[in-house]
């Protein structure tokens, strides 16, 4: 385990005298977890391969297998926890492989609330604006990204009209790498991260998915394996984009960017992570501190994303922080960790 730079420990928002970095927790699973929802320092959910959903309520000391019955053939890539009891999980894939489930009792029972019947659609990510309103994202259908919307906490869903969606580029798609290709901030704003095409882009909505604007992002592009893999917004204005080339034998220069105008424009990080990164999150209550993770390590920024410094070499796919500074990461072979501040 690497140590988080002491500046985090000294930050007023961290509220700790020393920062120790990621502390691995024994999940008892070999699944790859790309879906993660941090509720608090004690409670978190993860979702991954073979239809696996785990939940902890004691800081990761014990994990309960709360996987939906009969979901073993599904690939869960995103989970959003509305609180300790209520969560919505997304399975990805073509056609009916894309599904949404909701639980109201901490995973004891699940209800399938959406099953995709369009063979052209492939859902990647979902996000919630509040406990009732949320959207999910599909790769382009008929040349435009498709948005699924809920107004009842994920109990029912409907496809939104595509009139307000800009055309997709040839080969463009979203990466279901960390559950962070679609993120939100506030009650109406959301952003989509794209890749796989000539230019990596970020799309922005201010009306919960009805209309979208688009901006180019200065991260590696021009190949199906390159683009923006994750976004993180600490408010409606300040955002981070991370990504690169997910192939381990390929370099990923300029794999991070910053926006200070709600994603209208993006500036390359002056000192980006040295390799591909798939997940990112802001430290709550901080204007400067954020984390990013990937298969080759984790990085920290103390200046709002302009410069990044590696603090751990372990493999993680996704990262998320709760309001009480409970930060969690998850990835391959059942790896789950909590940041010890």
Protein backbone atom coordinates (compact mmCIF):
# COMPACT_ATOMS: atom_id res chain seq x y z
CA UNK A 1 0.00 0.00 0.00
CA UNK A 2 1.26 3.43 -0.85
CA UNK A 3 0.76 6.46 1.34
CA UNK A 4 -1.36 9.43 0.38
CA UNK A 5 0.76 12.62 0.40
CA UNK A 6 0.65 14.35 3.75
CA UNK A 7 -1.03 17.40 2.22
CA UNK A 8 -4.27 15.43 2.31
CA UNK A 9 -3.86 14.82 6.00
CA UNK A 10 -3.19 18.50 6.51
CA UNK A 11 -6.22 19.58 4.50
CA UNK A 12 -9.05 20.89 6.70
CA UNK A 13 -11.54 18.78 4.78
CA UNK A 14 -9.72 15.56 5.49
CA UNK A 15 -9.97 15.90 9.23
CA UNK A 16 -7.17 13.45 9.96
CA UNK A 17 -3.63 13.68 11.24
CA UNK A 18 -2.24 11.13 8.81
CA UNK A 19 -3.26 9.48 5.57
CA UNK A 20 -2.37 5.84 4.97
CA UNK A 21 -3.72 5.17 1.46
CA UNK A 22 -5.85 2.24 0.30
CA UNK A 23 -6.56 -0.52 2.80
CA UNK A 24 -7.64 -3.74 1.07
CA UNK A 25 -10.77 -5.44 2.36
CA UNK A 26 -11.50 -9.14 1.98
CA UNK A 27 -14.54 -9.32 -0.27
CA UNK A 28 -14.60 -13.10 -0.46
CA UNK A 29 -15.25 -12.80 -4.20
CA UNK A 30 -13.29 -13.19 -7.42
CA UNK A 31 -15.64 -11.00 -9.48
CA UNK A 32 -14.40 -7.88 -11.26
CA UNK A 33 -16.17 -4.91 -9.73
CA UNK A 34 -16.63 -1.93 -12.03
CA UNK A 35 -19.78 -0.68 -10.27
CA UNK A 36 -19.33 1.04 -6.91
CA UNK A 37 -21.55 3.19 -4.68
CA UNK A 38 -20.14 4.71 -1.49
CA UNK A 39 -22.84 5.52 1.07
CA UNK A 40 -20.53 6.21 4.02
CA UNK A 41 -17.32 5.01 5.67
CA UNK A 42 -19.27 1.99 6.89
CA UNK A 43 -21.68 1.25 4.03
CA UNK A 44 -20.85 0.61 0.37
CA UNK A 45 -22.14 -1.43 -2.57
CA UNK A 46 -20.18 -3.03 -5.42
CA UNK A 47 -21.44 -4.66 -8.61
CA UNK A 48 -19.58 -6.76 -11.14
CA UNK A 49 -19.20 -9.85 -13.25
CA UNK A 50 -21.38 -12.97 -13.01
CA UNK A 51 -24.31 -10.89 -11.75
CA UNK A 52 -22.53 -10.16 -8.47
CA UNK A 53 -23.64 -7.47 -6.00
CA UNK A 54 -22.00 -7.18 -2.58
CA UNK A 55 -22.80 -4.84 0.30
CA UNK A 56 -20.98 -3.95 3.52
CA UNK A 57 -22.35 -2.15 6.57
CA UNK A 58 -19.29 -2.42 8.81
CA UNK A 59 -16.56 -0.65 6.88
CA UNK A 60 -15.65 -3.58 4.68
CA UNK A 61 -14.89 -6.10 7.41
CA UNK A 62 -17.75 -8.27 6.13
CA UNK A 63 -19.45 -8.35 2.74
CA UNK A 64 -22.92 -9.76 2.12
CA UNK A 65 -23.69 -11.34 -1.25
CA UNK A 66 -26.94 -9.61 -2.20
CA UNK A 67 -26.87 -10.52 -5.89
CA UNK A 68 -30.24 -10.58 -7.65
CA UNK A 69 -31.45 -14.20 -8.02
CA UNK A 70 -30.89 -15.68 -11.48
CA UNK A 71 -28.56 -12.86 -12.60
CA UNK A 72 -25.45 -15.02 -12.94
CA UNK A 73 -25.19 -14.52 -16.69
CA UNK A 74 -25.36 -10.72 -16.44
CA UNK A 75 -22.51 -8.21 -16.33
CA UNK A 76 -23.18 -5.48 -13.78
CA UNK A 77 -21.16 -2.32 -14.51
CA UNK A 78 -22.88 0.44 -12.53
CA UNK A 79 -24.69 0.71 -9.22
CA UNK A 80 -26.22 3.82 -7.68
CA UNK A 81 -27.14 3.76 -4.00
CA UNK A 82 -29.89 6.17 -3.04
CA UNK A 83 -29.13 5.33 0.61
CA UNK A 84 -28.18 2.31 2.73
CA UNK A 85 -31.39 0.46 1.83
CA UNK A 86 -32.21 1.55 -1.71
CA UNK A 87 -30.02 0.92 -4.77
CA UNK A 88 -30.32 0.58 -8.54
CA UNK A 89 -27.96 -1.64 -10.54
CA UNK A 90 -27.31 -1.73 -14.30
CA UNK A 91 -26.37 -4.76 -16.38
CA UNK A 92 -24.71 -4.02 -19.72
CA UNK A 93 -24.78 -5.75 -23.09
CA UNK A 94 -26.60 -5.98 -26.37
CA UNK A 95 -30.35 -6.41 -26.45
CA UNK A 96 -31.89 -8.03 -23.38
CA UNK A 97 -28.52 -8.27 -21.62
CA UNK A 98 -29.01 -4.59 -20.70
CA UNK A 99 -31.25 -4.54 -17.62
CA UNK A 100 -31.94 -2.47 -14.52
CA UNK A 101 -32.81 -3.82 -11.06
CA UNK A 102 -33.88 -1.97 -7.91
CA UNK A 103 -33.85 -2.97 -4.25
CA UNK A 104 -35.68 -1.30 -1.36
CA UNK A 105 -34.41 -3.59 1.40
CA UNK A 106 -30.60 -3.52 1.23
CA UNK A 107 -30.48 -6.20 -1.45
CA UNK A 108 -32.64 -8.81 0.29
CA UNK A 109 -35.00 -8.66 -2.70
CA UNK A 110 -34.71 -7.11 -6.17
CA UNK A 111 -37.20 -6.08 -8.83
CA UNK A 112 -36.26 -5.96 -12.51
CA UNK A 113 -37.53 -2.55 -13.62
CA UNK A 114 -36.15 -2.41 -17.17
CA UNK A 115 -35.13 -4.91 -19.84
CA UNK A 116 -33.86 -3.59 -23.14
CA UNK A 117 -35.73 -5.04 -26.12
CA UNK A 118 -33.93 -3.10 -28.88
CA UNK A 119 -31.05 -5.23 -30.23
CA UNK A 120 -29.30 -2.05 -31.40
CA UNK A 121 -29.07 -0.57 -27.89
CA UNK A 122 -26.25 -1.24 -25.40
CA UNK A 123 -26.56 0.49 -22.03
CA UNK A 124 -23.36 1.56 -20.26
CA UNK A 125 -23.98 3.77 -17.22
CA UNK A 126 -26.66 5.39 -15.08
CA UNK A 127 -26.85 8.33 -12.66
CA UNK A 128 -29.37 9.89 -10.31
CA UNK A 129 -30.05 13.58 -9.73
CA UNK A 130 -32.02 12.89 -6.55
CA UNK A 131 -33.88 9.95 -5.04
CA UNK A 132 -36.53 10.04 -7.78
CA UNK A 133 -34.97 11.38 -10.99
CA UNK A 134 -32.29 9.52 -12.92
CA UNK A 135 -31.10 8.66 -16.42
CA UNK A 136 -29.24 5.78 -18.08
CA UNK A 137 -27.10 5.90 -21.21
CA UNK A 138 -26.98 3.63 -24.26
CA UNK A 139 -24.41 3.70 -27.03
CA UNK A 140 -25.69 5.37 -30.21
CA UNK A 141 -28.81 4.02 -31.88
CA UNK A 142 -29.57 5.47 -35.33
CA UNK A 143 -26.57 7.75 -34.94
CA UNK A 144 -27.42 9.25 -31.54
CA UNK A 145 -26.86 8.30 -27.92
CA UNK A 146 -30.03 6.98 -26.33
CA UNK A 147 -31.19 8.22 -22.92
CA UNK A 148 -33.44 6.28 -20.56
CA UNK A 149 -35.23 8.30 -17.88
CA UNK A 150 -36.89 7.54 -14.54
CA UNK A 151 -39.00 9.80 -12.34
CA UNK A 152 -39.81 7.28 -9.62
CA UNK A 153 -36.43 6.22 -8.31
CA UNK A 154 -35.77 3.57 -10.94
CA UNK A 155 -39.05 1.69 -10.55
CA UNK A 156 -40.01 2.48 -14.16
CA UNK A 157 -38.14 3.83 -17.20
CA UNK A 158 -38.87 5.43 -20.56
CA UNK A 159 -36.70 6.26 -23.56
CA UNK A 160 -36.42 10.02 -24.10
CA UNK A 161 -36.83 11.55 -27.58
CA UNK A 162 -33.52 11.94 -29.41
CA UNK A 163 -34.33 15.35 -30.94
CA UNK A 164 -32.04 17.20 -28.52
CA UNK A 165 -29.08 14.82 -28.85
CA UNK A 166 -26.19 15.80 -31.18
CA UNK A 167 -25.11 13.23 -33.78
CA UNK A 168 -22.50 10.72 -32.68
CA UNK A 169 -19.20 10.46 -34.48
CA UNK A 170 -18.40 7.38 -36.53
CA UNK A 171 -17.34 4.63 -34.13
CA UNK A 172 -18.11 6.71 -31.04
CA UNK A 173 -19.34 5.01 -27.87
CA UNK A 174 -19.23 5.23 -24.10
CA UNK A 175 -16.97 2.99 -22.04
CA UNK A 176 -18.66 0.85 -19.37
CA UNK A 177 -15.41 0.74 -17.42
CA UNK A 178 -16.30 2.27 -14.06
CA UNK A 179 -19.92 3.39 -13.99
CA UNK A 180 -18.66 6.94 -14.60
CA UNK A 181 -19.28 7.47 -18.31
CA UNK A 182 -22.50 9.22 -17.23
CA UNK A 183 -22.37 11.44 -14.13
CA UNK A 184 -24.50 14.21 -12.64
CA UNK A 185 -24.23 17.19 -10.31
CA UNK A 186 -27.12 19.13 -8.89
CA UNK A 187 -30.75 18.55 -9.79
CA UNK A 188 -30.63 18.85 -13.60
CA UNK A 189 -27.04 18.65 -14.97
CA UNK A 190 -25.38 15.51 -16.33
CA UNK A 191 -22.41 14.71 -18.56
CA UNK A 192 -21.50 11.86 -20.94
CA UNK A 193 -17.91 10.72 -21.59
CA UNK A 194 -17.16 9.36 -25.06
CA UNK A 195 -14.39 7.61 -26.93
CA UNK A 196 -13.64 5.25 -29.77
CA UNK A 197 -13.82 7.93 -32.46
CA UNK A 198 -11.60 10.56 -34.05
CA UNK A 199 -12.13 12.94 -31.10
CA UNK A 200 -12.92 12.26 -27.45
CA UNK A 201 -15.90 14.34 -26.35
CA UNK A 202 -18.01 15.30 -23.35
CA UNK A 203 -21.75 15.93 -23.73
CA UNK A 204 -23.66 18.08 -21.22
CA UNK A 205 -27.35 18.39 -20.39
CA UNK A 206 -28.99 20.99 -18.13
CA UNK A 207 -32.49 19.49 -18.36
CA UNK A 208 -32.07 15.89 -17.20
CA UNK A 209 -31.26 14.49 -20.61
CA UNK A 210 -33.68 16.14 -23.00
CA UNK A 211 -31.15 18.37 -24.77
CA UNK A 212 -27.37 18.16 -24.95
CA UNK A 213 -24.40 20.33 -25.93
CA UNK A 214 -21.02 18.84 -26.86
CA UNK A 215 -17.35 19.74 -26.39
CA UNK A 216 -14.09 18.15 -27.51
CA UNK A 217 -11.86 16.74 -24.76
CA UNK A 218 -8.04 16.83 -25.10
CA UNK A 219 -7.38 13.19 -24.21
CA UNK A 220 -6.11 10.37 -26.47
CA UNK A 221 -8.55 9.48 -29.27
CA UNK A 222 -8.56 8.15 -32.81
CA UNK A 223 -8.82 4.48 -31.83
CA UNK A 224 -11.59 2.23 -30.46
CA UNK A 225 -9.55 1.75 -27.26
CA UNK A 226 -9.06 5.47 -26.52
CA UNK A 227 -11.15 8.25 -25.10
CA UNK A 228 -12.62 9.66 -21.91
CA UNK A 229 -13.49 6.78 -19.59
CA UNK A 230 -14.68 8.66 -16.51
CA UNK A 231 -15.95 12.06 -15.44
CA UNK A 232 -16.28 13.64 -12.00
CA UNK A 233 -17.98 16.96 -11.22
CA UNK A 234 -17.76 18.43 -7.72
CA UNK A 235 -20.52 20.92 -8.61
CA UNK A 236 -22.25 22.11 -11.77
CA UNK A 237 -19.12 23.97 -12.91
CA UNK A 238 -15.92 22.13 -12.00
CA UNK A 239 -15.19 18.81 -13.68
CA UNK A 240 -12.47 16.25 -14.28
CA UNK A 241 -12.07 13.89 -17.23
CA UNK A 242 -9.74 10.88 -17.23
CA UNK A 243 -9.06 8.10 -19.69
CA UNK A 244 -6.46 7.27 -22.29
CA UNK A 245 -5.83 3.94 -24.03
CA UNK A 246 -7.02 0.94 -22.03
CA UNK A 247 -4.60 -1.48 -23.70
CA UNK A 248 -1.80 -2.17 -21.18
CA UNK A 249 0.91 -2.14 -23.85
CA UNK A 250 -0.06 1.32 -25.13
CA UNK A 251 0.98 4.67 -23.62
CA UNK A 252 -1.63 7.16 -22.46
CA UNK A 253 -0.16 10.65 -22.55
CA UNK A 254 -2.46 13.57 -21.75
CA UNK A 255 -4.98 11.22 -20.14
CA UNK A 256 -6.62 13.85 -17.91
CA UNK A 257 -8.32 17.20 -18.41
CA UNK A 258 -10.08 19.86 -16.35
CA UNK A 259 -13.17 22.01 -16.96
CA UNK A 260 -14.16 25.12 -15.02
CA UNK A 261 -17.17 26.04 -17.15
CA UNK A 262 -19.55 23.07 -16.78
CA UNK A 263 -17.82 21.10 -19.53
CA UNK A 264 -18.09 23.77 -22.22
CA UNK A 265 -14.30 23.64 -22.61
CA UNK A 266 -11.54 21.37 -21.34
CA UNK A 267 -7.88 22.05 -20.53
CA UNK A 268 -5.25 19.28 -20.49
CA UNK A 269 -3.76 18.52 -17.08
CA UNK A 270 -0.28 20.02 -16.77
CA UNK A 271 0.96 16.81 -15.12
CA UNK A 272 -1.52 14.01 -15.93
CA UNK A 273 -1.40 10.47 -14.57
CA UNK A 274 1.30 8.47 -16.31
CA UNK A 275 -1.08 5.76 -17.52
CA UNK A 276 -4.67 5.01 -18.46
CA UNK A 277 -7.21 5.77 -15.74
CA UNK A 278 -10.80 4.51 -15.65
CA UNK A 279 -12.35 6.08 -12.55
CA UNK A 280 -12.33 9.45 -10.78
CA UNK A 281 -13.96 11.16 -7.81
CA UNK A 282 -13.67 14.38 -5.82
CA UNK A 283 -12.95 14.27 -2.11
CA UNK A 284 -16.17 15.64 -0.59
CA UNK A 285 -16.16 19.21 0.74
CA UNK A 286 -12.87 19.92 -1.05
CA UNK A 287 -12.34 22.34 -3.90
CA UNK A 288 -8.93 20.92 -4.83
CA UNK A 289 -8.54 17.25 -3.89
CA UNK A 290 -9.59 14.37 -6.13
CA UNK A 291 -8.64 10.75 -6.81
CA UNK A 292 -8.29 8.74 -10.00
CA UNK A 293 -7.73 5.00 -10.40
CA UNK A 294 -6.88 2.46 -13.06
CA UNK A 295 -5.43 -1.02 -13.52
CA UNK A 296 -1.87 0.25 -12.97
CA UNK A 297 -2.40 2.50 -9.97
CA UNK A 298 -4.07 5.41 -8.21
CA UNK A 299 -3.30 9.12 -8.38
CA UNK A 300 -4.14 12.15 -6.28
CA UNK A 301 -4.53 15.82 -7.20
CA UNK A 302 -4.25 18.63 -4.68
CA UNK A 303 -4.87 21.44 -7.17
CA UNK A 304 -8.18 20.61 -8.81
CA UNK A 305 -6.82 18.25 -11.47
CA UNK A 306 -3.97 20.29 -12.88
CA UNK A 307 -1.27 17.98 -11.53
CA UNK A 308 -1.57 14.33 -10.48
CA UNK A 309 0.73 12.22 -8.30
CA UNK A 310 0.63 8.44 -7.96
CA UNK A 311 0.17 7.13 -4.41
CA UNK A 312 -0.66 3.45 -4.98
CA UNK A 313 0.27 0.82 -7.57
CA UNK A 314 -2.65 -1.55 -7.02
CA UNK A 315 -5.23 -2.33 -9.71
CA UNK A 316 -8.63 -0.63 -9.38
CA UNK A 317 -11.30 0.14 -11.97
CA UNK A 318 -13.60 2.51 -10.11
CA UNK A 319 -13.60 4.88 -7.13
CA UNK A 320 -16.28 6.75 -5.17
CA UNK A 321 -16.46 8.93 -2.06
CA UNK A 322 -19.33 9.46 0.40
CA UNK A 323 -20.13 12.78 2.10
CA UNK A 324 -18.49 11.61 5.35
CA UNK A 325 -15.16 11.16 3.47
CA UNK A 326 -15.64 7.43 3.13
CA UNK A 327 -13.74 6.75 -0.12
CA UNK A 328 -13.82 3.30 -1.71
CA UNK A 329 -12.19 1.67 -4.75
CA UNK A 330 -12.93 -1.63 -6.48
CA UNK A 331 -11.59 -3.67 -9.36
CA UNK A 332 -10.46 -7.05 -10.64
CA UNK A 333 -10.31 -10.36 -8.73
CA UNK A 334 -12.63 -9.11 -6.01
CA UNK A 335 -10.40 -6.19 -5.01
CA UNK A 336 -12.13 -3.64 -2.77
CA UNK A 337 -10.39 -1.05 -0.63
CA UNK A 338 -11.19 1.92 1.57
CA UNK A 339 -9.06 5.03 1.81
CA UNK A 340 -7.64 5.32 5.31
CA UNK A 341 -7.22 8.97 6.28
